PDB file of N, CA and C in Angstrom:
ATOM      1  N   UNK A   1     -41.626  61.060   4.944  1.00  0.00           N
ATOM      2  CA  UNK A   1     -41.861  62.133   3.993  1.00  0.00           C
ATOM      3  C   UNK A   1     -43.187  62.821   4.330  1.00  0.00           C
ATOM      4  N   UNK A   2     -43.153  64.143   4.433  1.00  0.00           N
ATOM      5  CA  UNK A   2     -44.366  64.884   4.777  1.00  0.00           C
ATOM      6  C   UNK A   2     -45.305  64.966   3.570  1.00  0.00           C
ATOM      7  N   UNK A   3     -46.603  64.982   3.831  1.00  0.00           N
ATOM      8  CA  UNK A   3     -47.568  65.096   2.730  1.00  0.00           C
ATOM      9  C   UNK A   3     -47.403  66.386   1.932  1.00  0.00           C
ATOM     10  N   UNK A   4     -46.967  67.464   2.615  1.00  0.00           N
ATOM     11  CA  UNK A   4     -46.828  68.749   1.920  1.00  0.00           C
ATOM     12  C   UNK A   4     -45.748  68.659   0.850  1.00  0.00           C
ATOM     13  N   UNK A   5     -44.637  67.992   1.164  1.00  0.00           N
ATOM     14  CA  UNK A   5     -43.555  67.833   0.187  1.00  0.00           C
ATOM     15  C   UNK A   5     -44.072  67.020  -0.997  1.00  0.00           C
ATOM     16  N   UNK A   6     -44.800  65.954  -0.691  1.00  0.00           N
ATOM     17  CA  UNK A   6     -45.344  65.098  -1.742  1.00  0.00           C
ATOM     18  C   UNK A   6     -46.273  65.894  -2.656  1.00  0.00           C
ATOM     19  N   UNK A   7     -47.121  66.738  -2.033  1.00  0.00           N
ATOM     20  CA  UNK A   7     -48.063  67.525  -2.815  1.00  0.00           C
ATOM     21  C   UNK A   7     -47.315  68.506  -3.719  1.00  0.00           C
ATOM     22  N   UNK A   8     -46.253  69.110  -3.184  1.00  0.00           N
ATOM     23  CA  UNK A   8     -45.478  70.065  -3.968  1.00  0.00           C
ATOM     24  C   UNK A   8     -44.804  69.358  -5.148  1.00  0.00           C
ATOM     25  N   UNK A   9     -44.319  68.121  -4.908  1.00  0.00           N
ATOM     26  CA  UNK A   9     -43.691  67.357  -5.984  1.00  0.00           C
ATOM     27  C   UNK A   9     -44.699  67.056  -7.089  1.00  0.00           C
ATOM     28  N   UNK A  10     -45.927  66.734  -6.689  1.00  0.00           N
ATOM     29  CA  UNK A  10     -46.962  66.449  -7.682  1.00  0.00           C
ATOM     30  C   UNK A  10     -47.266  67.686  -8.513  1.00  0.00           C
ATOM     31  N   UNK A  11     -47.277  68.860  -7.856  1.00  0.00           N
ATOM     32  CA  UNK A  11     -47.564  70.094  -8.584  1.00  0.00           C
ATOM     33  C   UNK A  11     -46.428  70.458  -9.533  1.00  0.00           C
ATOM     34  N   UNK A  12     -45.228  69.980  -9.236  1.00  0.00           N
ATOM     35  CA  UNK A  12     -44.094  70.264 -10.105  1.00  0.00           C
ATOM     36  C   UNK A  12     -44.288  69.604 -11.471  1.00  0.00           C
ATOM     37  N   UNK A  13     -44.958  68.449 -11.482  1.00  0.00           N
ATOM     38  CA  UNK A  13     -45.241  67.776 -12.746  1.00  0.00           C
ATOM     39  C   UNK A  13     -46.529  68.336 -13.332  1.00  0.00           C
ATOM     40  N   UNK A  14     -46.379  69.100 -14.411  1.00  0.00           N
ATOM     41  CA  UNK A  14     -47.570  69.581 -15.088  1.00  0.00           C
ATOM     42  C   UNK A  14     -48.173  68.430 -15.887  1.00  0.00           C
ATOM     43  N   UNK A  15     -49.422  68.594 -16.304  1.00  0.00           N
ATOM     44  CA  UNK A  15     -50.111  67.550 -17.059  1.00  0.00           C
ATOM     45  C   UNK A  15     -49.352  67.254 -18.350  1.00  0.00           C
ATOM     46  N   UNK A  16     -49.026  65.985 -18.551  1.00  0.00           N
ATOM     47  CA  UNK A  16     -48.334  65.585 -19.773  1.00  0.00           C
ATOM     48  C   UNK A  16     -46.832  65.528 -19.644  1.00  0.00           C
ATOM     49  N   UNK A  17     -46.274  66.047 -18.559  1.00  0.00           N
ATOM     50  CA  UNK A  17     -44.818  66.071 -18.410  1.00  0.00           C
ATOM     51  C   UNK A  17     -44.259  64.664 -18.259  1.00  0.00           C
ATOM     52  N   UNK A  18     -44.886  63.855 -17.413  1.00  0.00           N
ATOM     53  CA  UNK A  18     -44.407  62.494 -17.179  1.00  0.00           C
ATOM     54  C   UNK A  18     -44.549  61.679 -18.458  1.00  0.00           C
ATOM     55  N   UNK A  19     -45.697  61.824 -19.134  1.00  0.00           N
ATOM     56  CA  UNK A  19     -45.930  61.102 -20.382  1.00  0.00           C
ATOM     57  C   UNK A  19     -44.885  61.440 -21.426  1.00  0.00           C
ATOM     58  N   UNK A  20     -44.540  62.734 -21.513  1.00  0.00           N
ATOM     59  CA  UNK A  20     -43.547  63.160 -22.496  1.00  0.00           C
ATOM     60  C   UNK A  20     -42.172  62.600 -22.155  1.00  0.00           C
ATOM     61  N   UNK A  21     -41.830  62.585 -20.853  1.00  0.00           N
ATOM     62  CA  UNK A  21     -40.535  62.056 -20.413  1.00  0.00           C
ATOM     63  C   UNK A  21     -40.424  60.573 -20.744  1.00  0.00           C
ATOM     64  N   UNK A  22     -41.501  59.831 -20.479  1.00  0.00           N
ATOM     65  CA  UNK A  22     -41.503  58.396 -20.788  1.00  0.00           C
ATOM     66  C   UNK A  22     -41.369  58.184 -22.289  1.00  0.00           C
ATOM     67  N   UNK A  23     -42.072  59.010 -23.062  1.00  0.00           N
ATOM     68  CA  UNK A  23     -42.047  58.880 -24.517  1.00  0.00           C
ATOM     69  C   UNK A  23     -40.645  59.143 -25.064  1.00  0.00           C
ATOM     70  N   UNK A  24     -39.961  60.145 -24.506  1.00  0.00           N
ATOM     71  CA  UNK A  24     -38.597  60.451 -24.955  1.00  0.00           C
ATOM     72  C   UNK A  24     -37.644  59.319 -24.609  1.00  0.00           C
ATOM     73  N   UNK A  25     -37.800  58.746 -23.426  1.00  0.00           N
ATOM     74  CA  UNK A  25     -36.859  57.730 -22.954  1.00  0.00           C
ATOM     75  C   UNK A  25     -37.054  56.385 -23.659  1.00  0.00           C
ATOM     76  N   UNK A  26     -38.318  55.990 -23.871  1.00  0.00           N
ATOM     77  CA  UNK A  26     -38.592  54.650 -24.393  1.00  0.00           C
ATOM     78  C   UNK A  26     -38.963  54.640 -25.871  1.00  0.00           C
ATOM     79  N   UNK A  27     -39.389  55.776 -26.403  1.00  0.00           N
ATOM     80  CA  UNK A  27     -39.792  55.834 -27.803  1.00  0.00           C
ATOM     81  C   UNK A  27     -41.254  55.450 -28.010  1.00  0.00           C
ATOM     82  N   UNK A  28     -41.950  55.076 -26.930  1.00  0.00           N
ATOM     83  CA  UNK A  28     -43.377  54.766 -27.035  1.00  0.00           C
ATOM     84  C   UNK A  28     -44.153  55.626 -26.050  1.00  0.00           C
ATOM     85  N   UNK A  29     -45.344  56.062 -26.447  1.00  0.00           N
ATOM     86  CA  UNK A  29     -46.171  56.856 -25.534  1.00  0.00           C
ATOM     87  C   UNK A  29     -46.554  56.066 -24.285  1.00  0.00           C
ATOM     88  N   UNK A  30     -46.835  56.778 -23.209  1.00  0.00           N
ATOM     89  CA  UNK A  30     -47.172  56.146 -21.929  1.00  0.00           C
ATOM     90  C   UNK A  30     -48.432  55.288 -22.055  1.00  0.00           C
ATOM     91  N   UNK A  31     -49.417  55.767 -22.819  1.00  0.00           N
ATOM     92  CA  UNK A  31     -50.688  55.044 -22.965  1.00  0.00           C
ATOM     93  C   UNK A  31     -50.471  53.669 -23.583  1.00  0.00           C
ATOM     94  N   UNK A  32     -49.549  53.585 -24.558  1.00  0.00           N
ATOM     95  CA  UNK A  32     -49.267  52.301 -25.210  1.00  0.00           C
ATOM     96  C   UNK A  32     -48.665  51.328 -24.206  1.00  0.00           C
ATOM     97  N   UNK A  33     -47.762  51.812 -23.364  1.00  0.00           N
ATOM     98  CA  UNK A  33     -47.147  50.962 -22.345  1.00  0.00           C
ATOM     99  C   UNK A  33     -48.171  50.436 -21.358  1.00  0.00           C
ATOM    100  N   UNK A  34     -49.072  51.314 -20.909  1.00  0.00           N
ATOM    101  CA  UNK A  34     -50.122  50.902 -19.971  1.00  0.00           C
ATOM    102  C   UNK A  34     -51.028  49.861 -20.626  1.00  0.00           C
ATOM    103  N   UNK A  35     -51.383  50.101 -21.898  1.00  0.00           N
ATOM    104  CA  UNK A  35     -52.246  49.163 -22.619  1.00  0.00           C
ATOM    105  C   UNK A  35     -51.583  47.791 -22.739  1.00  0.00           C
ATOM    106  N   UNK A  36     -50.290  47.767 -23.063  1.00  0.00           N
ATOM    107  CA  UNK A  36     -49.573  46.495 -23.195  1.00  0.00           C
ATOM    108  C   UNK A  36     -49.530  45.751 -21.868  1.00  0.00           C
ATOM    109  N   UNK A  37     -49.268  46.478 -20.780  1.00  0.00           N
ATOM    110  CA  UNK A  37     -49.227  45.847 -19.452  1.00  0.00           C
ATOM    111  C   UNK A  37     -50.589  45.243 -19.112  1.00  0.00           C
ATOM    112  N   UNK A  38     -51.659  46.007 -19.368  1.00  0.00           N
ATOM    113  CA  UNK A  38     -53.011  45.507 -19.083  1.00  0.00           C
ATOM    114  C   UNK A  38     -53.342  44.293 -19.950  1.00  0.00           C
ATOM    115  N   UNK A  39     -52.901  44.309 -21.214  1.00  0.00           N
ATOM    116  CA  UNK A  39     -53.162  43.182 -22.113  1.00  0.00           C
ATOM    117  C   UNK A  39     -52.459  41.924 -21.612  1.00  0.00           C
ATOM    118  N   UNK A  40     -51.200  42.064 -21.187  1.00  0.00           N
ATOM    119  CA  UNK A  40     -50.437  40.915 -20.685  1.00  0.00           C
ATOM    120  C   UNK A  40     -51.078  40.366 -19.410  1.00  0.00           C
ATOM    121  N   UNK A  41     -51.472  41.268 -18.511  1.00  0.00           N
ATOM    122  CA  UNK A  41     -52.125  40.838 -17.267  1.00  0.00           C
ATOM    123  C   UNK A  41     -53.437  40.119 -17.582  1.00  0.00           C
ATOM    124  N   UNK A  42     -54.202  40.658 -18.525  1.00  0.00           N
ATOM    125  CA  UNK A  42     -55.469  40.037 -18.918  1.00  0.00           C
ATOM    126  C   UNK A  42     -55.263  38.639 -19.475  1.00  0.00           C
ATOM    127  N   UNK A  43     -54.262  38.483 -20.346  1.00  0.00           N
ATOM    128  CA  UNK A  43     -53.968  37.164 -20.910  1.00  0.00           C
ATOM    129  C   UNK A  43     -53.518  36.201 -19.823  1.00  0.00           C
ATOM    130  N   UNK A  44     -52.737  36.692 -18.883  1.00  0.00           N
ATOM    131  CA  UNK A  44     -52.278  35.852 -17.771  1.00  0.00           C
ATOM    132  C   UNK A  44     -53.442  35.355 -16.928  1.00  0.00           C
ATOM    133  N   UNK A  45     -54.385  36.257 -16.646  1.00  0.00           N
ATOM    134  CA  UNK A  45     -55.567  35.871 -15.864  1.00  0.00           C
ATOM    135  C   UNK A  45     -56.431  34.877 -16.638  1.00  0.00           C
ATOM    136  N   UNK A  46     -56.541  35.083 -17.954  1.00  0.00           N
ATOM    137  CA  UNK A  46     -57.303  34.165 -18.798  1.00  0.00           C
ATOM    138  C   UNK A  46     -56.688  32.769 -18.751  1.00  0.00           C
ATOM    139  N   UNK A  47     -55.357  32.715 -18.868  1.00  0.00           N
ATOM    140  CA  UNK A  47     -54.635  31.436 -18.817  1.00  0.00           C
ATOM    141  C   UNK A  47     -54.843  30.754 -17.466  1.00  0.00           C
ATOM    142  N   UNK A  48     -54.738  31.537 -16.391  1.00  0.00           N
ATOM    143  CA  UNK A  48     -54.971  30.988 -15.047  1.00  0.00           C
ATOM    144  C   UNK A  48     -56.388  30.434 -14.924  1.00  0.00           C
ATOM    145  N   UNK A  49     -57.345  31.139 -15.501  1.00  0.00           N
ATOM    146  CA  UNK A  49     -58.732  30.682 -15.481  1.00  0.00           C
ATOM    147  C   UNK A  49     -58.893  29.337 -16.173  1.00  0.00           C
ATOM    148  N   UNK A  50     -58.223  29.176 -17.317  1.00  0.00           N
ATOM    149  CA  UNK A  50     -58.271  27.900 -18.033  1.00  0.00           C
ATOM    150  C   UNK A  50     -57.657  26.786 -17.200  1.00  0.00           C
ATOM    151  N   UNK A  51     -56.502  27.060 -16.598  1.00  0.00           N
ATOM    152  CA  UNK A  51     -55.808  26.048 -15.792  1.00  0.00           C
ATOM    153  C   UNK A  51     -56.676  25.613 -14.615  1.00  0.00           C
ATOM    154  N   UNK A  52     -57.262  26.587 -13.923  1.00  0.00           N
ATOM    155  CA  UNK A  52     -58.113  26.271 -12.767  1.00  0.00           C
ATOM    156  C   UNK A  52     -59.362  25.513 -13.224  1.00  0.00           C
ATOM    157  N   UNK A  53     -59.923  25.930 -14.360  1.00  0.00           N
ATOM    158  CA  UNK A  53     -61.109  25.259 -14.894  1.00  0.00           C
ATOM    159  C   UNK A  53     -60.831  23.807 -15.243  1.00  0.00           C
ATOM    160  N   UNK A  54     -59.673  23.533 -15.845  1.00  0.00           N
ATOM    161  CA  UNK A  54     -59.297  22.159 -16.194  1.00  0.00           C
ATOM    162  C   UNK A  54     -59.060  21.345 -14.924  1.00  0.00           C
ATOM    163  N   UNK A  55     -58.405  21.978 -13.937  1.00  0.00           N
ATOM    164  CA  UNK A  55     -58.097  21.272 -12.683  1.00  0.00           C
ATOM    165  C   UNK A  55     -59.381  20.885 -11.947  1.00  0.00           C
ATOM    166  N   UNK A  56     -60.381  21.762 -12.017  1.00  0.00           N
ATOM    167  CA  UNK A  56     -61.640  21.459 -11.337  1.00  0.00           C
ATOM    168  C   UNK A  56     -62.468  20.490 -12.169  1.00  0.00           C
TER     169      UNK A  56
END
């Protein structure tokens, strides 16, 4: 895929278009989904830290 095509595709999405599409499809705003993913990853890392700490 050429970079020019990729750049044109990015310009096709105006600011907020992707967020609105996600919101329509899932019923939750994009920011909430990102926050939930980050929260789950954070908890997972915290749990791993505890496990490694106990093992050591």
